[in-house]
């Protein structure tokens, strides 16, 4: 993988990762895609995940978990800026992704 820091790269997922560490690494890297970041900002702004009800004379709150906009299925494509940490992360999961300059 001959990618230099500062250039855009296209990441395509070949196969869903089997290990938990690889899955978390790909979620972190693919979350830096511009479309995913925009979707995350929109979800954060709307945030319908707070549920409140009264119990025992006081308000109780429950925050529901939101689903990540990143889908780790075969064929999913993301475009990220290659920084030093992103390059290192992509090298650790290279058997599950195809990385090409964008």
N, C-alpha and C. Protein backbone atom coordinates (compact mmCIF):
# COMPACT_ATOMS: atom_id res chain seq x y z
N UNK A 1 0.86 -1.16 0.00
CA UNK A 1 0.00 0.00 0.00
C UNK A 1 0.91 1.23 0.00
N UNK A 2 0.95 1.93 -1.11
CA UNK A 2 1.80 3.11 -1.23
C UNK A 2 0.95 4.38 -1.24
N UNK A 3 0.47 4.74 -0.07
CA UNK A 3 -0.38 5.91 0.10
C UNK A 3 0.39 6.92 0.95
N UNK A 4 0.35 8.16 0.52
CA UNK A 4 1.04 9.22 1.25
C UNK A 4 0.04 10.00 2.10
N UNK A 5 0.47 10.46 3.26
CA UNK A 5 -0.43 11.27 4.10
C UNK A 5 -0.87 12.54 3.37
N UNK A 6 -2.15 12.86 3.52
CA UNK A 6 -2.68 14.07 2.92
C UNK A 6 -3.50 13.83 1.67
N UNK A 7 -3.47 12.63 1.10
CA UNK A 7 -4.25 12.38 -0.10
C UNK A 7 -5.53 11.63 0.24
N UNK A 8 -6.51 11.75 -0.63
CA UNK A 8 -7.78 11.06 -0.45
C UNK A 8 -7.64 9.63 -0.92
N UNK A 9 -8.24 8.69 -0.17
CA UNK A 9 -8.22 7.29 -0.56
C UNK A 9 -9.64 6.75 -0.57
N UNK A 10 -9.87 5.81 -1.47
CA UNK A 10 -11.16 5.13 -1.54
C UNK A 10 -11.01 3.77 -0.86
N UNK A 11 -11.85 3.53 0.11
CA UNK A 11 -11.80 2.27 0.87
C UNK A 11 -13.04 1.47 0.50
N UNK A 12 -12.83 0.27 -0.02
CA UNK A 12 -13.94 -0.63 -0.34
C UNK A 12 -13.81 -1.87 0.52
N UNK A 13 -14.89 -2.25 1.16
CA UNK A 13 -14.86 -3.40 2.05
C UNK A 13 -15.07 -4.66 1.22
N UNK A 14 -14.09 -5.56 1.27
CA UNK A 14 -14.16 -6.82 0.53
C UNK A 14 -15.02 -7.83 1.26
N UNK A 15 -14.84 -7.90 2.57
CA UNK A 15 -15.48 -8.93 3.37
C UNK A 15 -15.68 -8.36 4.77
N UNK A 16 -16.75 -8.75 5.42
CA UNK A 16 -17.00 -8.27 6.78
C UNK A 16 -15.95 -8.85 7.72
N UNK A 17 -15.36 -8.03 8.58
CA UNK A 17 -14.32 -8.52 9.49
C UNK A 17 -14.90 -9.50 10.51
N UNK A 18 -14.08 -10.46 10.89
CA UNK A 18 -14.54 -11.48 11.83
C UNK A 18 -14.24 -11.11 13.28
N UNK A 19 -13.18 -10.40 13.53
CA UNK A 19 -12.80 -10.04 14.89
C UNK A 19 -13.40 -8.72 15.33
N UNK A 20 -13.59 -8.59 16.63
CA UNK A 20 -14.17 -7.37 17.19
C UNK A 20 -13.23 -6.18 17.02
N UNK A 21 -11.93 -6.40 17.19
CA UNK A 21 -10.97 -5.30 17.07
C UNK A 21 -10.93 -4.76 15.64
N UNK A 22 -10.97 -5.64 14.65
CA UNK A 22 -10.97 -5.21 13.26
C UNK A 22 -12.26 -4.47 12.91
N UNK A 23 -13.37 -4.93 13.47
CA UNK A 23 -14.65 -4.27 13.21
C UNK A 23 -14.64 -2.85 13.78
N UNK A 24 -14.13 -2.68 14.99
CA UNK A 24 -14.07 -1.36 15.59
C UNK A 24 -13.11 -0.44 14.85
N UNK A 25 -12.01 -1.00 14.36
CA UNK A 25 -11.06 -0.20 13.59
C UNK A 25 -11.70 0.30 12.30
N UNK A 26 -12.41 -0.58 11.60
CA UNK A 26 -13.07 -0.15 10.35
C UNK A 26 -14.18 0.85 10.62
N UNK A 27 -14.92 0.69 11.70
CA UNK A 27 -15.95 1.67 12.04
C UNK A 27 -15.33 3.04 12.29
N UNK A 28 -14.20 3.08 12.97
CA UNK A 28 -13.53 4.34 13.26
C UNK A 28 -13.00 4.99 11.98
N UNK A 29 -12.38 4.17 11.10
CA UNK A 29 -11.80 4.73 9.87
C UNK A 29 -12.90 5.18 8.91
N UNK A 30 -13.90 4.34 8.69
CA UNK A 30 -14.96 4.68 7.74
C UNK A 30 -15.86 5.80 8.27
N UNK A 31 -15.85 6.02 9.57
CA UNK A 31 -16.62 7.12 10.14
C UNK A 31 -16.06 8.48 9.79
N UNK A 32 -14.86 8.52 9.23
CA UNK A 32 -14.25 9.79 8.82
C UNK A 32 -14.65 10.20 7.41
N UNK A 33 -15.46 9.40 6.74
CA UNK A 33 -15.98 9.75 5.42
C UNK A 33 -16.89 10.98 5.56
N UNK A 34 -16.88 11.84 4.58
CA UNK A 34 -17.64 13.10 4.65
C UNK A 34 -19.15 12.85 4.77
N UNK A 35 -19.68 11.91 4.00
CA UNK A 35 -21.11 11.62 4.05
C UNK A 35 -21.51 11.03 5.39
N UNK A 36 -20.68 10.16 5.93
CA UNK A 36 -20.97 9.55 7.22
C UNK A 36 -20.92 10.60 8.32
N UNK A 37 -19.93 11.50 8.26
CA UNK A 37 -19.83 12.56 9.26
C UNK A 37 -21.03 13.49 9.20
N UNK A 38 -21.50 13.78 7.99
CA UNK A 38 -22.68 14.62 7.82
C UNK A 38 -23.91 13.95 8.42
N UNK A 39 -24.05 12.66 8.17
CA UNK A 39 -25.18 11.90 8.72
C UNK A 39 -25.11 11.87 10.24
N UNK A 40 -23.90 11.71 10.78
CA UNK A 40 -23.73 11.68 12.23
C UNK A 40 -24.09 13.03 12.85
N UNK A 41 -23.70 14.13 12.21
CA UNK A 41 -24.06 15.45 12.72
C UNK A 41 -25.58 15.65 12.70
N UNK A 42 -26.24 15.18 11.64
CA UNK A 42 -27.70 15.30 11.55
C UNK A 42 -28.38 14.49 12.65
N UNK A 43 -27.91 13.27 12.87
CA UNK A 43 -28.50 12.44 13.93
C UNK A 43 -28.29 13.08 15.29
N UNK A 44 -27.13 13.67 15.50
CA UNK A 44 -26.83 14.30 16.78
C UNK A 44 -27.72 15.53 17.01
N UNK A 45 -27.98 16.27 15.93
CA UNK A 45 -28.81 17.47 16.04
C UNK A 45 -30.25 17.09 16.36
N UNK A 46 -30.78 16.09 15.70
CA UNK A 46 -32.17 15.70 15.92
C UNK A 46 -32.34 14.94 17.24
N UNK A 47 -31.46 14.02 17.50
CA UNK A 47 -31.36 13.25 18.73
C UNK A 47 -32.71 12.90 19.37
N UNK A 48 -33.51 12.07 18.70
CA UNK A 48 -34.79 11.68 19.30
C UNK A 48 -34.62 10.54 20.30
N UNK A 49 -33.38 10.33 20.74
CA UNK A 49 -33.12 9.15 21.53
C UNK A 49 -33.34 9.34 23.03
N UNK A 50 -33.81 10.50 23.45
CA UNK A 50 -34.04 10.73 24.86
C UNK A 50 -35.52 10.49 25.16
N UNK A 51 -35.79 9.57 26.05
CA UNK A 51 -37.16 9.23 26.42
C UNK A 51 -37.33 9.59 27.90
N UNK A 52 -38.39 10.34 28.23
CA UNK A 52 -38.61 10.76 29.61
C UNK A 52 -40.01 10.34 30.05
N UNK A 53 -40.13 9.96 31.32
CA UNK A 53 -41.41 9.65 31.90
C UNK A 53 -41.36 9.94 33.39
N UNK A 54 -42.55 10.06 33.98
CA UNK A 54 -42.61 10.38 35.39
C UNK A 54 -42.81 9.10 36.19
N UNK A 55 -42.02 8.99 37.26
CA UNK A 55 -42.10 7.80 38.11
C UNK A 55 -41.77 8.22 39.54
N UNK A 56 -42.69 8.02 40.43
CA UNK A 56 -42.44 8.37 41.83
C UNK A 56 -42.32 9.86 42.07
N UNK A 57 -42.99 10.67 41.25
CA UNK A 57 -42.97 12.11 41.44
C UNK A 57 -41.76 12.81 40.85
N UNK A 58 -40.93 12.09 40.10
CA UNK A 58 -39.78 12.75 39.47
C UNK A 58 -39.61 12.22 38.04
N UNK A 59 -38.85 12.96 37.26
CA UNK A 59 -38.63 12.60 35.86
C UNK A 59 -37.51 11.56 35.75
N UNK A 60 -37.77 10.52 35.00
CA UNK A 60 -36.76 9.51 34.70
C UNK A 60 -36.40 9.64 33.23
N UNK A 61 -35.13 9.41 32.92
CA UNK A 61 -34.65 9.55 31.54
C UNK A 61 -34.01 8.26 31.08
N UNK A 62 -34.17 8.00 29.81
CA UNK A 62 -33.53 6.84 29.20
C UNK A 62 -33.00 7.25 27.83
N UNK A 63 -31.70 7.05 27.60
CA UNK A 63 -31.10 7.36 26.30
C UNK A 63 -30.98 6.07 25.50
N UNK A 64 -31.69 6.02 24.39
CA UNK A 64 -31.66 4.84 23.54
C UNK A 64 -30.41 4.88 22.66
N UNK A 65 -29.88 3.71 22.31
CA UNK A 65 -28.69 3.65 21.48
C UNK A 65 -29.06 3.94 20.03
N UNK A 66 -28.20 4.67 19.34
CA UNK A 66 -28.43 4.96 17.94
C UNK A 66 -27.55 4.06 17.09
N UNK A 67 -28.02 3.74 15.94
CA UNK A 67 -27.30 2.86 15.03
C UNK A 67 -26.27 3.67 14.24
N UNK A 68 -25.11 3.07 14.03
CA UNK A 68 -24.05 3.75 13.29
C UNK A 68 -24.40 3.83 11.81
N UNK A 69 -24.09 4.94 11.14
CA UNK A 69 -24.37 5.03 9.70
C UNK A 69 -23.38 4.23 8.86
N UNK A 70 -22.33 3.69 9.46
CA UNK A 70 -21.35 2.89 8.72
C UNK A 70 -21.83 1.45 8.66
N UNK A 71 -21.91 0.90 7.45
CA UNK A 71 -22.31 -0.49 7.26
C UNK A 71 -21.10 -1.28 6.78
N UNK A 72 -20.70 -2.28 7.54
CA UNK A 72 -19.52 -3.08 7.19
C UNK A 72 -19.93 -4.31 6.40
N UNK A 73 -20.55 -4.09 5.25
CA UNK A 73 -20.93 -5.18 4.38
C UNK A 73 -20.03 -5.16 3.15
N UNK A 74 -19.92 -6.29 2.50
CA UNK A 74 -19.07 -6.38 1.32
C UNK A 74 -19.60 -5.44 0.23
N UNK A 75 -18.70 -4.67 -0.35
CA UNK A 75 -19.06 -3.74 -1.41
C UNK A 75 -19.28 -2.31 -0.96
N UNK A 76 -19.32 -2.07 0.33
CA UNK A 76 -19.50 -0.71 0.84
C UNK A 76 -18.25 0.11 0.54
N UNK A 77 -18.44 1.37 0.08
CA UNK A 77 -17.31 2.22 -0.29
C UNK A 77 -17.34 3.51 0.51
N UNK A 78 -16.14 3.92 0.93
CA UNK A 78 -15.99 5.14 1.70
C UNK A 78 -14.76 5.88 1.19
N UNK A 79 -14.77 7.21 1.27
CA UNK A 79 -13.63 8.03 0.85
C UNK A 79 -13.15 8.80 2.08
N UNK A 80 -11.90 8.59 2.45
CA UNK A 80 -11.35 9.24 3.64
C UNK A 80 -10.03 9.91 3.31
N UNK A 81 -9.66 10.88 4.13
CA UNK A 81 -8.38 11.55 4.00
C UNK A 81 -7.32 10.70 4.69
N UNK A 82 -6.25 10.39 3.99
CA UNK A 82 -5.20 9.51 4.53
C UNK A 82 -4.27 10.31 5.43
N UNK A 83 -4.43 10.12 6.71
CA UNK A 83 -3.49 10.67 7.68
C UNK A 83 -2.63 9.51 8.18
N UNK A 84 -1.66 9.81 9.01
CA UNK A 84 -0.74 8.76 9.47
C UNK A 84 -1.49 7.69 10.25
N UNK A 85 -2.41 8.09 11.11
CA UNK A 85 -3.15 7.10 11.89
C UNK A 85 -4.10 6.29 11.03
N UNK A 86 -4.70 6.91 10.01
CA UNK A 86 -5.60 6.18 9.11
C UNK A 86 -4.82 5.15 8.30
N UNK A 87 -3.65 5.52 7.82
CA UNK A 87 -2.82 4.59 7.04
C UNK A 87 -2.43 3.39 7.90
N UNK A 88 -2.04 3.64 9.13
CA UNK A 88 -1.67 2.56 10.04
C UNK A 88 -2.86 1.64 10.31
N UNK A 89 -4.05 2.23 10.51
CA UNK A 89 -5.24 1.43 10.75
C UNK A 89 -5.62 0.61 9.52
N UNK A 90 -5.51 1.20 8.33
CA UNK A 90 -5.85 0.46 7.11
C UNK A 90 -4.86 -0.67 6.86
N UNK A 91 -3.62 -0.51 7.24
CA UNK A 91 -2.66 -1.59 7.08
C UNK A 91 -2.98 -2.75 8.02
N UNK A 92 -3.56 -2.46 9.17
CA UNK A 92 -3.88 -3.54 10.10
C UNK A 92 -5.11 -4.34 9.67
N UNK A 93 -5.97 -3.76 8.82
CA UNK A 93 -7.17 -4.48 8.36
C UNK A 93 -7.15 -4.69 6.86
N UNK A 94 -5.96 -4.78 6.27
CA UNK A 94 -5.86 -4.84 4.81
C UNK A 94 -6.44 -6.10 4.19
N UNK A 95 -6.65 -7.15 4.97
CA UNK A 95 -7.25 -8.35 4.36
C UNK A 95 -8.75 -8.24 4.18
N UNK A 96 -9.37 -7.21 4.77
CA UNK A 96 -10.80 -7.02 4.61
C UNK A 96 -11.17 -5.84 3.73
N UNK A 97 -10.17 -5.04 3.30
CA UNK A 97 -10.48 -3.85 2.51
C UNK A 97 -9.57 -3.75 1.29
N UNK A 98 -10.07 -3.06 0.27
CA UNK A 98 -9.28 -2.63 -0.87
C UNK A 98 -9.09 -1.12 -0.75
N UNK A 99 -7.86 -0.68 -0.81
CA UNK A 99 -7.56 0.74 -0.66
C UNK A 99 -6.91 1.23 -1.94
N UNK A 100 -7.51 2.28 -2.54
CA UNK A 100 -6.99 2.87 -3.77
C UNK A 100 -7.00 4.38 -3.63
N UNK A 101 -6.08 5.07 -4.28
CA UNK A 101 -6.14 6.53 -4.27
C UNK A 101 -7.43 7.01 -4.96
N UNK A 102 -8.07 8.00 -4.38
CA UNK A 102 -9.33 8.49 -4.95
C UNK A 102 -9.08 9.58 -5.97
